[in-house]
Amino acid sequence: SQALVQASRNIEVRNSAEIVPYILLLIILIVRPEGLFGQKRI
């Protein structure tokens, strides 16, 4: 994800590569709070 952002034509987007993992993390945790392979404990 960080590398793909570097392929953007927009300089501001390229400079935001460091926050991309956190944006992706926020989306994943909203959908699946325990993570992709985490265990759901009841």
All heavy atoms as atom14 arrays in JSON, in Angstrom:
{
  "sequence": "SQALVQASRNIEVRNSAEIVPYILLLIILIVRPEGLFGQKRI",
  "atom14_mask": [
    [1, 1, 1, 1, 1, 1, 0, 0, 0, 0, 0, 0, 0, 0],
    [1, 1, 1, 1, 1, 1, 1, 1, 1, 0, 0, 0, 0, 0],
    [1, 1, 1, 1, 1, 0, 0, 0, 0, 0, 0, 0, 0, 0],
    [1, 1, 1, 1, 1, 1, 1, 1, 0, 0, 0, 0, 0, 0],
    [1, 1, 1, 1, 1, 1, 1, 0, 0, 0, 0, 0, 0, 0],
    [1, 1, 1, 1, 1, 1, 1, 1, 1, 0, 0, 0, 0, 0],
    [1, 1, 1, 1, 1, 0, 0, 0, 0, 0, 0, 0, 0, 0],
    [1, 1, 1, 1, 1, 1, 0, 0, 0, 0, 0, 0, 0, 0],
    [1, 1, 1, 1, 1, 1, 1, 1, 1, 1, 1, 0, 0, 0],
    [1, 1, 1, 1, 1, 1, 1, 1, 0, 0, 0, 0, 0, 0],
    [1, 1, 1, 1, 1, 1, 1, 1, 0, 0, 0, 0, 0, 0],
    [1, 1, 1, 1, 1, 1, 1, 1, 1, 0, 0, 0, 0, 0],
    [1, 1, 1, 1, 1, 1, 1, 0, 0, 0, 0, 0, 0, 0],
    [1, 1, 1, 1, 1, 1, 1, 1, 1, 1, 1, 0, 0, 0],
    [1, 1, 1, 1, 1, 1, 1, 1, 0, 0, 0, 0, 0, 0],
    [1, 1, 1, 1, 1, 1, 0, 0, 0, 0, 0, 0, 0, 0],
    [1, 1, 1, 1, 1, 0, 0, 0, 0, 0, 0, 0, 0, 0],
    [1, 1, 1, 1, 1, 1, 1, 1, 1, 0, 0, 0, 0, 0],
    [1, 1, 1, 1, 1, 1, 1, 1, 0, 0, 0, 0, 0, 0],
    [1, 1, 1, 1, 1, 1, 1, 0, 0, 0, 0, 0, 0, 0],
    [1, 1, 1, 1, 1, 1, 1, 0, 0, 0, 0, 0, 0, 0],
    [1, 1, 1, 1, 1, 1, 1, 1, 1, 1, 1, 1, 0, 0],
    [1, 1, 1, 1, 1, 1, 1, 1, 0, 0, 0, 0, 0, 0],
    [1, 1, 1, 1, 1, 1, 1, 1, 0, 0, 0, 0, 0, 0],
    [1, 1, 1, 1, 1, 1, 1, 1, 0, 0, 0, 0, 0, 0],
    [1, 1, 1, 1, 1, 1, 1, 1, 0, 0, 0, 0, 0, 0],
    [1, 1, 1, 1, 1, 1, 1, 1, 0, 0, 0, 0, 0, 0],
    [1, 1, 1, 1, 1, 1, 1, 1, 0, 0, 0, 0, 0, 0],
    [1, 1, 1, 1, 1, 1, 1, 1, 0, 0, 0, 0, 0, 0],
    [1, 1, 1, 1, 1, 1, 1, 1, 0, 0, 0, 0, 0, 0],
    [1, 1, 1, 1, 1, 1, 1, 0, 0, 0, 0, 0, 0, 0],
    [1, 1, 1, 1, 1, 1, 1, 1, 1, 1, 1, 0, 0, 0],
    [1, 1, 1, 1, 1, 1, 1, 0, 0, 0, 0, 0, 0, 0],
    [1, 1, 1, 1, 1, 1, 1, 1, 1, 0, 0, 0, 0, 0],
    [1, 1, 1, 1, 0, 0, 0, 0, 0, 0, 0, 0, 0, 0],
    [1, 1, 1, 1, 1, 1, 1, 1, 0, 0, 0, 0, 0, 0],
    [1, 1, 1, 1, 1, 1, 1, 1, 1, 1, 1, 0, 0, 0],
    [1, 1, 1, 1, 0, 0, 0, 0, 0, 0, 0, 0, 0, 0],
    [1, 1, 1, 1, 1, 1, 1, 1, 1, 0, 0, 0, 0, 0],
    [1, 1, 1, 1, 1, 1, 1, 1, 1, 0, 0, 0, 0, 0],
    [1, 1, 1, 1, 1, 1, 1, 1, 1, 1, 1, 0, 0, 0],
    [1, 1, 1, 1, 1, 1, 1, 1, 0, 0, 0, 0, 0, 0]
  ],
  "atom14_positions": [
    [[0.83, -1.21, 0.0], [0.0, 0.0, 0.0], [0.86, 1.26, 0.0], [0.56, 2.23, -0.71], [-0.94, 0.0, 1.21], [-0.21, 0.02, 2.43], [0.0, 0.0, 0.0], [0.0, 0.0, 0.0], [0.0, 0.0, 0.0], [0.0, 0.0, 0.0], [0.0, 0.0, 0.0], [0.0, 0.0, 0.0], [0.0, 0.0, 0.0], [0.0, 0.0, 0.0]],
    [[1.94, 1.26, 0.78], [2.83, 2.42, 0.79], [3.48, 2.63, -0.57], [3.64, 3.77, -1.03], [3.9, 2.26, 1.86], [3.41, 2.48, 3.28], [4.54, 2.5, 4.27], [5.37, 1.6, 4.31], [4.58, 3.52, 5.11], [0.0, 0.0, 0.0], [0.0, 0.0, 0.0], [0.0, 0.0, 0.0], [0.0, 0.0, 0.0], [0.0, 0.0, 0.0]],
    [[3.88, 1.54, -1.22], [4.55, 1.66, -2.51], [3.59, 2.15, -3.59], [3.96, 2.96, -4.45], [5.16, 0.32, -2.89], [0.0, 0.0, 0.0], [0.0, 0.0, 0.0], [0.0, 0.0, 0.0], [0.0, 0.0, 0.0], [0.0, 0.0, 0.0], [0.0, 0.0, 0.0], [0.0, 0.0, 0.0], [0.0, 0.0, 0.0], [0.0, 0.0, 0.0]],
    [[2.34, 1.67, -3.56], [1.39, 2.08, -4.58], [1.07, 3.57, -4.5], [0.84, 4.22, -5.53], [0.1, 1.26, -4.45], [0.18, -0.19, -4.94], [-1.11, -0.93, -4.68], [0.51, -0.23, -6.44], [0.0, 0.0, 0.0], [0.0, 0.0, 0.0], [0.0, 0.0, 0.0], [0.0, 0.0, 0.0], [0.0, 0.0, 0.0], [0.0, 0.0, 0.0]],
    [[1.06, 4.1, -3.29], [0.82, 5.54, -3.14], [1.92, 6.33, -3.84], [1.68, 7.42, -4.39], [0.73, 5.91, -1.65], [0.73, 7.42, -1.46], [-0.53, 5.32, -1.04], [0.0, 0.0, 0.0], [0.0, 0.0, 0.0], [0.0, 0.0, 0.0], [0.0, 0.0, 0.0], [0.0, 0.0, 0.0], [0.0, 0.0, 0.0], [0.0, 0.0, 0.0]],
    [[3.14, 5.79, -3.84], [4.26, 6.48, -4.49], [4.1, 6.53, -6.01], [4.82, 7.29, -6.68], [5.58, 5.76, -4.15], [5.93, 5.79, -2.68], [6.21, 7.2, -2.18], [6.67, 8.05, -2.93], [5.95, 7.44, -0.9], [0.0, 0.0, 0.0], [0.0, 0.0, 0.0], [0.0, 0.0, 0.0], [0.0, 0.0, 0.0], [0.0, 0.0, 0.0]],
    [[3.17, 5.76, -6.55], [2.93, 5.8, -7.99], [1.93, 6.87, -8.39], [1.63, 7.04, -9.57], [2.44, 4.43, -8.48], [0.0, 0.0, 0.0], [0.0, 0.0, 0.0], [0.0, 0.0, 0.0], [0.0, 0.0, 0.0], [0.0, 0.0, 0.0], [0.0, 0.0, 0.0], [0.0, 0.0, 0.0], [0.0, 0.0, 0.0], [0.0, 0.0, 0.0]],
    [[1.42, 7.61, -7.43], [0.45, 8.67, -7.72], [1.13, 9.85, -8.41], [2.3, 10.15, -8.17], [-0.23, 9.14, -6.43], [-1.04, 10.27, -6.67], [0.0, 0.0, 0.0], [0.0, 0.0, 0.0], [0.0, 0.0, 0.0], [0.0, 0.0, 0.0], [0.0, 0.0, 0.0], [0.0, 0.0, 0.0], [0.0, 0.0, 0.0], [0.0, 0.0, 0.0]],
    [[0.39, 10.53, -9.26], [0.91, 11.73, -9.91], [0.84, 12.95, -8.99], [1.51, 13.95, -9.23], [0.1, 12.02, -11.18], [0.24, 10.96, -12.26], [-0.55, 11.36, -13.5], [-0.5, 10.31, -14.53], [0.46, 10.2, -15.44], [1.45, 11.08, -15.46], [0.43, 9.24, -16.33], [0.0, 0.0, 0.0], [0.0, 0.0, 0.0], [0.0, 0.0, 0.0]],
    [[0.04, 12.85, -7.94], [-0.15, 13.96, -7.01], [0.96, 13.95, -5.96], [1.13, 12.96, -5.23], [-1.53, 13.85, -6.34], [-1.89, 15.09, -5.56], [-1.1, 15.57, -4.74], [-3.07, 15.62, -5.82], [0.0, 0.0, 0.0], [0.0, 0.0, 0.0], [0.0, 0.0, 0.0], [0.0, 0.0, 0.0], [0.0, 0.0, 0.0], [0.0, 0.0, 0.0]],
    [[1.71, 15.04, -5.86], [2.82, 15.1, -4.9], [2.32, 14.99, -3.47], [2.94, 14.32, -2.63], [3.61, 16.41, -5.09], [4.26, 16.44, -6.48], [4.69, 16.56, -4.02], [5.01, 17.71, -6.78], [0.0, 0.0, 0.0], [0.0, 0.0, 0.0], [0.0, 0.0, 0.0], [0.0, 0.0, 0.0], [0.0, 0.0, 0.0], [0.0, 0.0, 0.0]],
    [[1.21, 15.62, -3.15], [0.67, 15.58, -1.79], [0.27, 14.16, -1.41], [0.45, 13.73, -0.26], [-0.52, 16.52, -1.66], [-0.14, 18.0, -1.81], [-1.34, 18.9, -1.63], [-2.47, 18.36, -1.48], [-1.16, 20.13, -1.64], [0.0, 0.0, 0.0], [0.0, 0.0, 0.0], [0.0, 0.0, 0.0], [0.0, 0.0, 0.0], [0.0, 0.0, 0.0]],
    [[-0.27, 13.42, -2.36], [-0.64, 12.02, -2.09], [0.62, 11.19, -1.84], [0.67, 10.37, -0.92], [-1.46, 11.44, -3.26], [-1.68, 9.94, -3.06], [-2.8, 12.16, -3.38], [0.0, 0.0, 0.0], [0.0, 0.0, 0.0], [0.0, 0.0, 0.0], [0.0, 0.0, 0.0], [0.0, 0.0, 0.0], [0.0, 0.0, 0.0], [0.0, 0.0, 0.0]],
    [[1.65, 11.41, -2.65], [2.9, 10.66, -2.46], [3.52, 10.95, -1.09], [4.09, 10.06, -0.46], [3.89, 11.01, -3.57], [3.48, 10.51, -4.94], [4.68, 10.39, -5.86], [5.36, 11.67, -6.04], [5.09, 12.53, -7.01], [4.13, 12.26, -7.89], [5.77, 13.65, -7.12], [0.0, 0.0, 0.0], [0.0, 0.0, 0.0], [0.0, 0.0, 0.0]],
    [[3.41, 12.18, -0.65], [3.99, 12.55, 0.65], [3.2, 12.0, 1.82], [3.67, 12.06, 2.97], [4.08, 14.07, 0.77], [5.11, 14.67, -0.18], [6.03, 13.97, -0.61], [4.97, 15.94, -0.51], [0.0, 0.0, 0.0], [0.0, 0.0, 0.0], [0.0, 0.0, 0.0], [0.0, 0.0, 0.0], [0.0, 0.0, 0.0], [0.0, 0.0, 0.0]],
    [[2.01, 11.48, 1.57], [1.17, 10.94, 2.65], [1.32, 9.43, 2.79], [0.48, 8.79, 3.43], [-0.3, 11.29, 2.39], [-0.78, 10.63, 1.22], [0.0, 0.0, 0.0], [0.0, 0.0, 0.0], [0.0, 0.0, 0.0], [0.0, 0.0, 0.0], [0.0, 0.0, 0.0], [0.0, 0.0, 0.0], [0.0, 0.0, 0.0], [0.0, 0.0, 0.0]],
    [[2.37, 8.85, 2.21], [2.53, 7.4, 2.23], [2.61, 6.85, 3.64], [2.18, 5.72, 3.9], [3.79, 7.0, 1.45], [0.0, 0.0, 0.0], [0.0, 0.0, 0.0], [0.0, 0.0, 0.0], [0.0, 0.0, 0.0], [0.0, 0.0, 0.0], [0.0, 0.0, 0.0], [0.0, 0.0, 0.0], [0.0, 0.0, 0.0], [0.0, 0.0, 0.0]],
    [[3.14, 7.63, 4.59], [3.31, 7.14, 5.95], [1.98, 6.89, 6.67], [1.93, 6.07, 7.58], [4.16, 8.12, 6.76], [5.6, 8.22, 6.28], [6.41, 9.17, 7.13], [5.82, 9.79, 8.04], [7.63, 9.29, 6.9], [0.0, 0.0, 0.0], [0.0, 0.0, 0.0], [0.0, 0.0, 0.0], [0.0, 0.0, 0.0], [0.0, 0.0, 0.0]],
    [[0.93, 7.63, 6.27], [-0.34, 7.46, 6.97], [-1.24, 6.44, 6.3], [-2.28, 6.07, 6.85], [-1.09, 8.8, 7.09], [-1.55, 9.29, 5.7], [-0.23, 9.84, 7.78], [-2.45, 10.49, 5.76], [0.0, 0.0, 0.0], [0.0, 0.0, 0.0], [0.0, 0.0, 0.0], [0.0, 0.0, 0.0], [0.0, 0.0, 0.0], [0.0, 0.0, 0.0]],
    [[-0.84, 5.97, 5.11], [-1.68, 5.01, 4.38], [-1.95, 3.74, 5.18], [-3.09, 3.26, 5.21], [-1.04, 4.67, 3.01], [-1.74, 3.49, 2.36], [-1.1, 5.88, 2.11], [0.0, 0.0, 0.0], [0.0, 0.0, 0.0], [0.0, 0.0, 0.0], [0.0, 0.0, 0.0], [0.0, 0.0, 0.0], [0.0, 0.0, 0.0], [0.0, 0.0, 0.0]],
    [[-0.94, 3.14, 5.86], [-1.23, 1.93, 6.65], [-2.3, 2.16, 7.71], [-3.11, 1.26, 7.97], [0.12, 1.59, 7.29], [1.13, 2.2, 6.39], [0.51, 3.46, 5.88], [0.0, 0.0, 0.0], [0.0, 0.0, 0.0], [0.0, 0.0, 0.0], [0.0, 0.0, 0.0], [0.0, 0.0, 0.0], [0.0, 0.0, 0.0], [0.0, 0.0, 0.0]],
    [[-2.35, 3.35, 8.29], [-3.33, 3.63, 9.33], [-4.72, 3.82, 8.75], [-5.72, 3.43, 9.37], [-2.9, 4.85, 10.14], [-1.62, 4.62, 10.89], [-0.39, 4.96, 10.33], [-1.63, 4.02, 12.14], [0.79, 4.72, 11.01], [-0.45, 3.78, 12.83], [0.75, 4.14, 12.26], [1.92, 3.89, 12.93], [0.0, 0.0, 0.0], [0.0, 0.0, 0.0]],
    [[-4.8, 4.41, 7.56], [-6.09, 4.52, 6.89], [-6.63, 3.14, 6.54], [-7.8, 2.82, 6.78], [-5.97, 5.39, 5.62], [-5.56, 6.82, 6.0], [-7.27, 5.39, 4.84], [-5.29, 7.71, 4.8], [0.0, 0.0, 0.0], [0.0, 0.0, 0.0], [0.0, 0.0, 0.0], [0.0, 0.0, 0.0], [0.0, 0.0, 0.0], [0.0, 0.0, 0.0]],
    [[-5.74, 2.31, 6.0], [-6.12, 0.94, 5.66], [-6.52, 0.17, 6.91], [-7.5, -0.59, 6.92], [-4.96, 0.25, 4.95], [-5.2, -1.15, 4.41], [-6.29, -1.13, 3.36], [-3.91, -1.71, 3.81], [0.0, 0.0, 0.0], [0.0, 0.0, 0.0], [0.0, 0.0, 0.0], [0.0, 0.0, 0.0], [0.0, 0.0, 0.0], [0.0, 0.0, 0.0]],
    [[-5.76, 0.38, 8.0], [-6.06, -0.28, 9.27], [-7.44, 0.11, 9.79], [-8.21, -0.73, 10.25], [-4.98, 0.09, 10.3], [-5.22, -0.38, 11.74], [-5.22, -1.89, 11.81], [-4.15, 0.21, 12.66], [0.0, 0.0, 0.0], [0.0, 0.0, 0.0], [0.0, 0.0, 0.0], [0.0, 0.0, 0.0], [0.0, 0.0, 0.0], [0.0, 0.0, 0.0]],
    [[-7.76, 1.41, 9.7], [-9.05, 1.89, 10.17], [-10.19, 1.22, 9.41], [-11.18, 0.78, 10.0], [-9.12, 3.41, 10.0], [-10.42, 4.09, 10.43], [-10.65, 3.88, 11.93], [-10.39, 5.58, 10.1], [0.0, 0.0, 0.0], [0.0, 0.0, 0.0], [0.0, 0.0, 0.0], [0.0, 0.0, 0.0], [0.0, 0.0, 0.0], [0.0, 0.0, 0.0]],
    [[-10.02, 1.09, 8.09], [-11.07, 0.46, 7.28], [-11.24, -1.01, 7.66], [-12.37, -1.5, 7.85], [-10.72, 0.59, 5.78], [-10.72, 2.07, 5.37], [-11.71, -0.2, 4.93], [-10.22, 2.3, 3.97], [0.0, 0.0, 0.0], [0.0, 0.0, 0.0], [0.0, 0.0, 0.0], [0.0, 0.0, 0.0], [0.0, 0.0, 0.0], [0.0, 0.0, 0.0]],
    [[-10.13, -1.72, 7.81], [-10.19, -3.15, 8.14], [-10.82, -3.36, 9.51], [-11.67, -4.25, 9.7], [-8.78, -3.78, 8.1], [-8.24, -3.8, 6.67], [-8.8, -5.19, 8.69], [-9.0, -4.71, 5.74], [0.0, 0.0, 0.0], [0.0, 0.0, 0.0], [0.0, 0.0, 0.0], [0.0, 0.0, 0.0], [0.0, 0.0, 0.0], [0.0, 0.0, 0.0]],
    [[-10.42, -2.56, 10.5], [-10.92, -2.75, 11.86], [-12.4, -2.42, 11.99], [-13.08, -2.95, 12.86], [-10.1, -1.92, 12.84], [-8.64, -2.34, 13.02], [-7.96, -1.51, 14.1], [-8.54, -3.82, 13.37], [0.0, 0.0, 0.0], [0.0, 0.0, 0.0], [0.0, 0.0, 0.0], [0.0, 0.0, 0.0], [0.0, 0.0, 0.0], [0.0, 0.0, 0.0]],
    [[-12.91, -1.53, 11.14], [-14.34, -1.25, 11.15], [-15.11, -2.47, 10.66], [-16.15, -2.84, 11.21], [-14.66, -0.02, 10.27], [-14.12, 1.25, 10.94], [-16.16, 0.11, 10.03], [-14.28, 2.49, 10.1], [0.0, 0.0, 0.0], [0.0, 0.0, 0.0], [0.0, 0.0, 0.0], [0.0, 0.0, 0.0], [0.0, 0.0, 0.0], [0.0, 0.0, 0.0]],
    [[-14.55, -3.13, 9.64], [-15.22, -4.3, 9.06], [-14.98, -5.55, 9.9], [-15.89, -6.35, 10.14], [-14.73, -4.52, 7.61], [-15.37, -5.77, 7.0], [-15.04, -3.3, 6.77], [0.0, 0.0, 0.0], [0.0, 0.0, 0.0], [0.0, 0.0, 0.0], [0.0, 0.0, 0.0], [0.0, 0.0, 0.0], [0.0, 0.0, 0.0], [0.0, 0.0, 0.0]],
    [[-13.73, -5.72, 10.37], [-13.35, -6.92, 11.11], [-12.43, -6.51, 12.26], [-11.2, -6.47, 12.09], [-12.66, -7.92, 10.18], [-12.39, -9.27, 10.8], [-11.79, -10.23, 9.79], [-11.39, -11.48, 10.4], [-12.2, -12.5, 10.64], [-13.48, -12.41, 10.32], [-11.75, -13.6, 11.21], [0.0, 0.0, 0.0], [0.0, 0.0, 0.0], [0.0, 0.0, 0.0]],
    [[-12.98, -6.18, 13.42], [-12.19, -5.61, 14.53], [-11.03, -6.49, 14.99], [-10.03, -5.97, 15.48], [-13.23, -5.43, 15.65], [-14.54, -5.35, 14.95], [-14.41, -6.24, 13.75], [0.0, 0.0, 0.0], [0.0, 0.0, 0.0], [0.0, 0.0, 0.0], [0.0, 0.0, 0.0], [0.0, 0.0, 0.0], [0.0, 0.0, 0.0], [0.0, 0.0, 0.0]],
    [[-11.13, -7.8, 14.86], [-10.06, -8.68, 15.31], [-8.95, -8.85, 14.28], [-7.98, -9.57, 14.53], [-10.63, -10.06, 15.69], [-11.22, -10.85, 14.54], [-12.67, -10.49, 14.29], [-13.16, -9.5, 14.85], [-13.32, -11.23, 13.51], [0.0, 0.0, 0.0], [0.0, 0.0, 0.0], [0.0, 0.0, 0.0], [0.0, 0.0, 0.0], [0.0, 0.0, 0.0]],
    [[-9.07, -8.17, 13.14], [-8.06, -8.3, 12.1], [-8.42, -9.41, 11.12], [-9.36, -10.17, 11.32], [0.0, 0.0, 0.0], [0.0, 0.0, 0.0], [0.0, 0.0, 0.0], [0.0, 0.0, 0.0], [0.0, 0.0, 0.0], [0.0, 0.0, 0.0], [0.0, 0.0, 0.0], [0.0, 0.0, 0.0], [0.0, 0.0, 0.0], [0.0, 0.0, 0.0]],
    [[-7.64, -9.52, 10.05], [-7.96, -10.47, 9.0], [-7.9, -11.91, 9.47], [-8.7, -12.75, 9.07], [-6.99, -10.27, 7.82], [-7.09, -8.92, 7.09], [-5.99, -8.82, 6.04], [-8.46, -8.76, 6.46], [0.0, 0.0, 0.0], [0.0, 0.0, 0.0], [0.0, 0.0, 0.0], [0.0, 0.0, 0.0], [0.0, 0.0, 0.0], [0.0, 0.0, 0.0]],
    [[-6.9, -12.24, 10.33], [-6.71, -13.62, 10.78], [-6.85, -13.76, 12.29], [-6.51, -14.8, 12.84], [-5.32, -14.12, 10.35], [-5.14, -14.2, 8.87], [-4.7, -13.1, 8.15], [-5.42, -15.36, 8.18], [-4.52, -13.16, 6.78], [-5.24, -15.43, 6.8], [-4.8, -14.33, 6.1], [0.0, 0.0, 0.0], [0.0, 0.0, 0.0], [0.0, 0.0, 0.0]],
    [[-7.3, -12.71, 12.96], [-7.41, -12.75, 14.41], [-8.54, -13.65, 14.88], [-9.47, -13.97, 14.13], [0.0, 0.0, 0.0], [0.0, 0.0, 0.0], [0.0, 0.0, 0.0], [0.0, 0.0, 0.0], [0.0, 0.0, 0.0], [0.0, 0.0, 0.0], [0.0, 0.0, 0.0], [0.0, 0.0, 0.0], [0.0, 0.0, 0.0], [0.0, 0.0, 0.0]],
    [[-8.46, -14.06, 16.12], [-9.46, -14.94, 16.71], [-10.54, -14.11, 17.4], [-10.25, -13.17, 18.14], [-8.83, -15.88, 17.74], [-7.8, -16.83, 17.15], [-7.18, -17.71, 18.21], [-7.43, -17.55, 19.39], [-6.34, -18.64, 17.78], [0.0, 0.0, 0.0], [0.0, 0.0, 0.0], [0.0, 0.0, 0.0], [0.0, 0.0, 0.0], [0.0, 0.0, 0.0]],
    [[-11.78, -14.45, 17.11], [-12.9, -13.78, 17.78], [-13.23, -14.57, 19.04], [-13.66, -15.73, 18.98], [-14.11, -13.72, 16.87], [-15.32, -12.99, 17.48], [-16.49, -12.95, 16.53], [-16.19, -12.06, 15.34], [-17.39, -11.93, 14.46], [0.0, 0.0, 0.0], [0.0, 0.0, 0.0], [0.0, 0.0, 0.0], [0.0, 0.0, 0.0], [0.0, 0.0, 0.0]],
    [[-12.97, -13.97, 20.2], [-13.19, -14.66, 21.48], [-14.56, -14.27, 22.04], [-14.91, -13.09, 22.09], [-12.08, -14.31, 22.47], [-10.71, -14.79, 22.01], [-9.65, -14.55, 23.07], [-8.36, -15.02, 22.63], [-7.91, -16.26, 22.76], [-8.7, -17.17, 23.35], [-6.72, -16.6, 22.34], [0.0, 0.0, 0.0], [0.0, 0.0, 0.0], [0.0, 0.0, 0.0]],
    [[-15.28, -15.29, 22.47], [-16.61, -15.08, 23.05], [-16.56, -15.5, 24.52], [-16.17, -16.63, 24.84], [-17.68, -15.91, 22.31], [-17.72, -15.48, 20.84], [-19.02, -15.71, 22.97], [-18.67, -16.31, 20.0], [0.0, 0.0, 0.0], [0.0, 0.0, 0.0], [0.0, 0.0, 0.0], [0.0, 0.0, 0.0], [0.0, 0.0, 0.0], [0.0, 0.0, 0.0]]
  ]
}
